[in-house]
């Protein structure tokens, strides 16, 4: 049993927990992993690697990714997502026009330097940055280069903004929300995030956890190793 399962991860579940749910459906001794973690609040494409497909992890991690995200302007949160308390960005905010947002987006396209959020899994001195931050330590991660291929405005009605983002490995969508909010002088954080594609794997062809639990569906959902 070797291959890739394109899973549509539901909200409220860690990537590791999603892997565990599918592992229980596999014959004992079969390896399983995943390529590209999604935060618990996020949904969409999570590639599960079964058997020999676990060796393709790095290749799949390097594949371009596509997201649809919803931002709330005028507010921020410590984690830049809905998993921490909402905070007003400023006492007085002037809502930007759709054109002002369109004009701001090109600054986030191309090879850009991006500072990862303090609440991230990056290790600092052998420990996860989010653990240090939760303990009250001042964590300032160094900017690093990431690749953003395109950003498109899908919908805007103050204070809600929806974007589509095509990007490369290591890009933090939460950091794009943070930095765009700062550029617009409104603040911003993610309220929803959906990964719609990794390489050739599109969410339209993804299986749900409920579907995979049906007899024979694991084998039927296995896709070839690229």
Protein backbone atom coordinates (compact mmCIF):
# COMPACT_ATOMS: atom_id res chain seq x y z
CA UNK A 1 0.00 0.00 0.00
CA UNK A 2 2.02 2.94 -1.36
CA UNK A 3 0.77 6.29 -2.59
CA UNK A 4 -0.59 9.73 -1.72
CA UNK A 5 -3.98 10.63 -0.30
CA UNK A 6 -5.16 14.15 -1.04
CA UNK A 7 -7.07 14.96 2.16
CA UNK A 8 -9.37 17.94 2.70
CA UNK A 9 -8.45 18.64 6.32
CA UNK A 10 -11.33 20.02 8.38
CA UNK A 11 -11.04 22.97 10.75
CA UNK A 12 -10.39 22.27 14.42
CA UNK A 13 -7.98 19.42 13.81
CA UNK A 14 -4.17 19.47 13.85
CA UNK A 15 -2.35 17.94 10.90
CA UNK A 16 -0.88 15.30 13.23
CA UNK A 17 -4.35 14.36 14.49
CA UNK A 18 -5.60 14.05 10.90
CA UNK A 19 -2.72 11.66 10.18
CA UNK A 20 -3.60 9.63 13.28
CA UNK A 21 -7.23 9.35 12.17
CA UNK A 22 -6.17 7.86 8.83
CA UNK A 23 -3.44 5.70 10.37
CA UNK A 24 -6.13 3.79 12.28
CA UNK A 25 -7.67 2.82 8.94
CA UNK A 26 -4.42 1.33 7.57
CA UNK A 27 -3.10 -2.21 8.02
CA UNK A 28 -0.70 -2.47 10.94
CA UNK A 29 2.91 -1.59 10.08
CA UNK A 30 2.15 0.71 7.13
CA UNK A 31 4.07 3.99 7.31
CA UNK A 32 2.19 7.28 7.07
CA UNK A 33 3.29 10.91 7.14
CA UNK A 34 2.26 14.22 5.63
CA UNK A 35 3.76 16.99 3.49
CA UNK A 36 3.09 20.52 4.69
CA UNK A 37 1.46 21.26 8.04
CA UNK A 38 -1.81 23.20 8.27
CA UNK A 39 -2.73 25.10 11.43
CA UNK A 40 -5.72 23.67 13.33
CA UNK A 41 -8.08 26.47 12.19
CA UNK A 42 -7.08 26.02 8.53
CA UNK A 43 -8.72 23.67 6.04
CA UNK A 44 -7.91 22.19 2.66
CA UNK A 45 -5.23 20.12 0.97
CA UNK A 46 -3.11 18.01 3.30
CA UNK A 47 -1.08 15.40 1.47
CA UNK A 48 -0.90 12.11 3.36
CA UNK A 49 2.07 9.97 2.36
CA UNK A 50 1.49 6.23 2.61
CA UNK A 51 4.22 3.57 2.53
CA UNK A 52 7.03 4.36 0.08
CA UNK A 53 5.45 7.76 -0.63
CA UNK A 54 6.97 9.02 2.64
CA UNK A 55 10.28 9.25 0.72
CA UNK A 56 8.71 11.93 -1.53
CA UNK A 57 8.09 14.30 1.39
CA UNK A 58 10.78 16.88 0.56
CA UNK A 59 9.83 16.99 -3.11
CA UNK A 60 6.18 17.61 -2.28
CA UNK A 61 7.06 20.20 0.36
CA UNK A 62 8.89 22.14 -2.36
CA UNK A 63 5.82 22.20 -4.65
CA UNK A 64 4.02 25.56 -5.10
CA UNK A 65 0.94 26.09 -2.95
CA UNK A 66 -2.28 28.03 -3.37
CA UNK A 67 -4.45 29.48 -0.62
CA UNK A 68 -7.69 31.38 -0.21
CA UNK A 69 -7.72 33.45 2.94
CA UNK A 70 -10.02 35.82 4.79
CA UNK A 71 -8.60 38.78 6.70
CA UNK A 72 -10.29 41.10 9.16
CA UNK A 73 -8.95 44.64 8.98
CA UNK A 74 -9.04 47.08 11.87
CA UNK A 75 -7.99 44.43 14.38
CA UNK A 76 -5.13 42.07 15.10
CA UNK A 77 -4.38 39.16 17.43
CA UNK A 78 -1.14 37.98 19.07
CA UNK A 79 -1.05 34.94 16.75
CA UNK A 80 -2.41 36.80 13.67
CA UNK A 81 -5.16 34.18 13.38
CA UNK A 82 -8.47 33.40 15.17
CA UNK A 83 -6.79 31.28 17.85
CA UNK A 84 -6.05 34.22 20.17
CA UNK A 85 -7.88 37.30 21.44
CA UNK A 86 -8.87 40.04 19.00
CA UNK A 87 -7.36 43.47 19.72
CA UNK A 88 -8.35 46.81 18.08
CA UNK A 89 -5.41 48.05 16.01
CA UNK A 90 -5.89 51.77 16.76
CA UNK A 91 -8.42 54.26 18.13
CA UNK A 92 -9.08 55.82 14.73
CA UNK A 93 -8.81 53.93 11.45
CA UNK A 94 -9.63 55.10 7.95
CA UNK A 95 -10.93 52.14 5.91
CA UNK A 96 -8.91 51.75 2.70
CA UNK A 97 -10.57 51.62 -0.69
CA UNK A 98 -10.39 48.49 -2.85
CA UNK A 99 -7.97 50.37 -5.12
CA UNK A 100 -5.68 51.18 -2.20
CA UNK A 101 -5.61 47.50 -1.31
CA UNK A 102 -4.89 46.54 -4.93
CA UNK A 103 -2.05 49.08 -4.96
CA UNK A 104 -0.56 47.60 -1.76
CA UNK A 105 -0.53 43.95 -2.85
CA UNK A 106 2.39 44.03 -5.36
CA UNK A 107 4.80 44.76 -2.47
CA UNK A 108 4.16 41.19 -1.27
CA UNK A 109 4.78 39.46 -4.62
CA UNK A 110 8.09 38.04 -5.81
CA UNK A 111 11.09 36.90 -3.78
CA UNK A 112 10.40 38.84 -0.57
CA UNK A 113 11.96 39.00 2.88
CA UNK A 114 9.41 37.85 5.44
CA UNK A 115 9.68 37.81 9.24
CA UNK A 116 8.05 34.64 10.61
CA UNK A 117 5.46 35.14 13.37
CA UNK A 118 6.69 34.71 16.94
CA UNK A 119 3.97 32.07 17.33
CA UNK A 120 5.58 29.62 14.90
CA UNK A 121 7.23 26.20 15.05
CA UNK A 122 10.66 27.58 14.15
CA UNK A 123 13.28 26.52 16.68
CA UNK A 124 15.23 29.09 18.69
CA UNK A 125 18.04 27.61 20.75
CA UNK A 126 16.51 24.17 20.37
CA UNK A 127 13.00 25.21 21.44
CA UNK A 128 9.89 26.10 19.43
CA UNK A 129 9.32 29.84 19.07
CA UNK A 130 5.67 29.51 20.10
CA UNK A 131 6.63 27.82 23.39
CA UNK A 132 9.07 30.62 24.24
CA UNK A 133 6.51 33.28 23.30
CA UNK A 134 3.81 31.67 25.46
CA UNK A 135 6.25 31.73 28.39
CA UNK A 136 6.61 35.49 27.97
CA UNK A 137 9.99 35.57 26.22
CA UNK A 138 10.55 38.30 23.63
CA UNK A 139 11.06 36.32 20.42
CA UNK A 140 12.18 38.23 17.33
CA UNK A 141 12.80 35.87 14.41
CA UNK A 142 15.11 36.87 11.61
CA UNK A 143 13.50 37.69 8.24
CA UNK A 144 14.05 35.08 5.55
CA UNK A 145 13.41 34.98 1.83
CA UNK A 146 10.24 33.35 0.55
CA UNK A 147 8.63 33.26 -2.88
CA UNK A 148 5.14 34.65 -3.52
CA UNK A 149 4.03 34.11 -7.11
CA UNK A 150 0.78 36.09 -7.05
CA UNK A 151 -1.82 37.70 -4.77
CA UNK A 152 -5.33 38.46 -6.01
CA UNK A 153 -8.18 40.36 -4.37
CA UNK A 154 -11.25 38.10 -4.37
CA UNK A 155 -13.68 40.19 -2.34
CA UNK A 156 -13.66 43.27 -0.11
CA UNK A 157 -16.29 44.76 2.15
CA UNK A 158 -14.85 46.59 5.14
CA UNK A 159 -13.58 45.12 7.40
CA UNK A 160 -13.49 41.74 5.62
CA UNK A 161 -10.98 41.09 2.84
CA UNK A 162 -10.58 37.85 0.87
CA UNK A 163 -7.40 37.07 -1.06
CA UNK A 164 -5.99 34.28 -3.21
CA UNK A 165 -2.27 33.64 -2.75
CA UNK A 166 0.11 31.46 -4.77
CA UNK A 167 3.42 30.93 -2.98
CA UNK A 168 6.39 28.70 -2.35
CA UNK A 169 7.64 26.71 0.59
CA UNK A 170 7.99 28.38 3.97
CA UNK A 171 5.65 31.30 3.30
CA UNK A 172 3.57 32.34 6.30
CA UNK A 173 0.14 33.56 5.23
CA UNK A 174 -0.34 34.94 8.76
CA UNK A 175 2.75 37.10 8.20
CA UNK A 176 1.32 38.43 4.93
CA UNK A 177 -1.87 39.37 6.81
CA UNK A 178 0.21 41.09 9.52
CA UNK A 179 2.39 43.00 7.06
CA UNK A 180 -0.48 44.02 4.78
CA UNK A 181 -2.37 45.32 7.81
CA UNK A 182 0.65 47.39 8.80
CA UNK A 183 1.05 48.74 5.27
CA UNK A 184 -2.62 49.77 5.16
CA UNK A 185 -2.35 51.27 8.68
CA UNK A 186 -5.37 49.22 9.74
CA UNK A 187 -3.92 46.07 11.24
CA UNK A 188 -5.19 42.69 10.06
CA UNK A 189 -5.36 39.04 11.02
CA UNK A 190 -6.53 35.81 9.40
CA UNK A 191 -10.04 34.68 10.25
CA UNK A 192 -10.00 31.75 7.79
CA UNK A 193 -7.44 29.94 5.65
CA UNK A 194 -8.01 27.26 3.03
CA UNK A 195 -5.23 25.57 1.06
CA UNK A 196 -6.68 24.89 -2.35
CA UNK A 197 -3.69 23.30 -4.07
CA UNK A 198 -0.24 21.77 -3.60
CA UNK A 199 1.48 21.21 -6.94
CA UNK A 200 -0.90 19.10 -9.05
CA UNK A 201 -3.10 18.16 -6.06
CA UNK A 202 -6.25 20.30 -6.02
CA UNK A 203 -8.80 20.50 -3.23
CA UNK A 204 -11.55 19.72 -5.75
CA UNK A 205 -10.25 16.16 -5.87
CA UNK A 206 -9.58 15.82 -2.14
CA UNK A 207 -11.20 13.19 0.08
CA UNK A 208 -12.77 13.87 3.46
CA UNK A 209 -12.01 11.93 6.63
CA UNK A 210 -15.59 10.65 6.62
CA UNK A 211 -15.27 9.34 3.05
CA UNK A 212 -11.96 7.60 3.82
CA UNK A 213 -13.57 5.69 6.69
CA UNK A 214 -15.86 3.83 4.27
CA UNK A 215 -14.74 0.27 3.32
CA UNK A 216 -12.26 0.22 0.44
CA UNK A 217 -11.90 4.00 0.21
CA UNK A 218 -8.30 4.17 1.42
CA UNK A 219 -7.11 2.02 -1.47
CA UNK A 220 -9.42 3.82 -3.91
CA UNK A 221 -8.06 7.22 -2.85
CA UNK A 222 -4.36 6.38 -3.23
CA UNK A 223 -2.67 8.43 -5.95
CA UNK A 224 0.66 7.64 -7.66
CA UNK A 225 3.93 8.89 -6.18
CA UNK A 226 5.25 11.71 -8.41
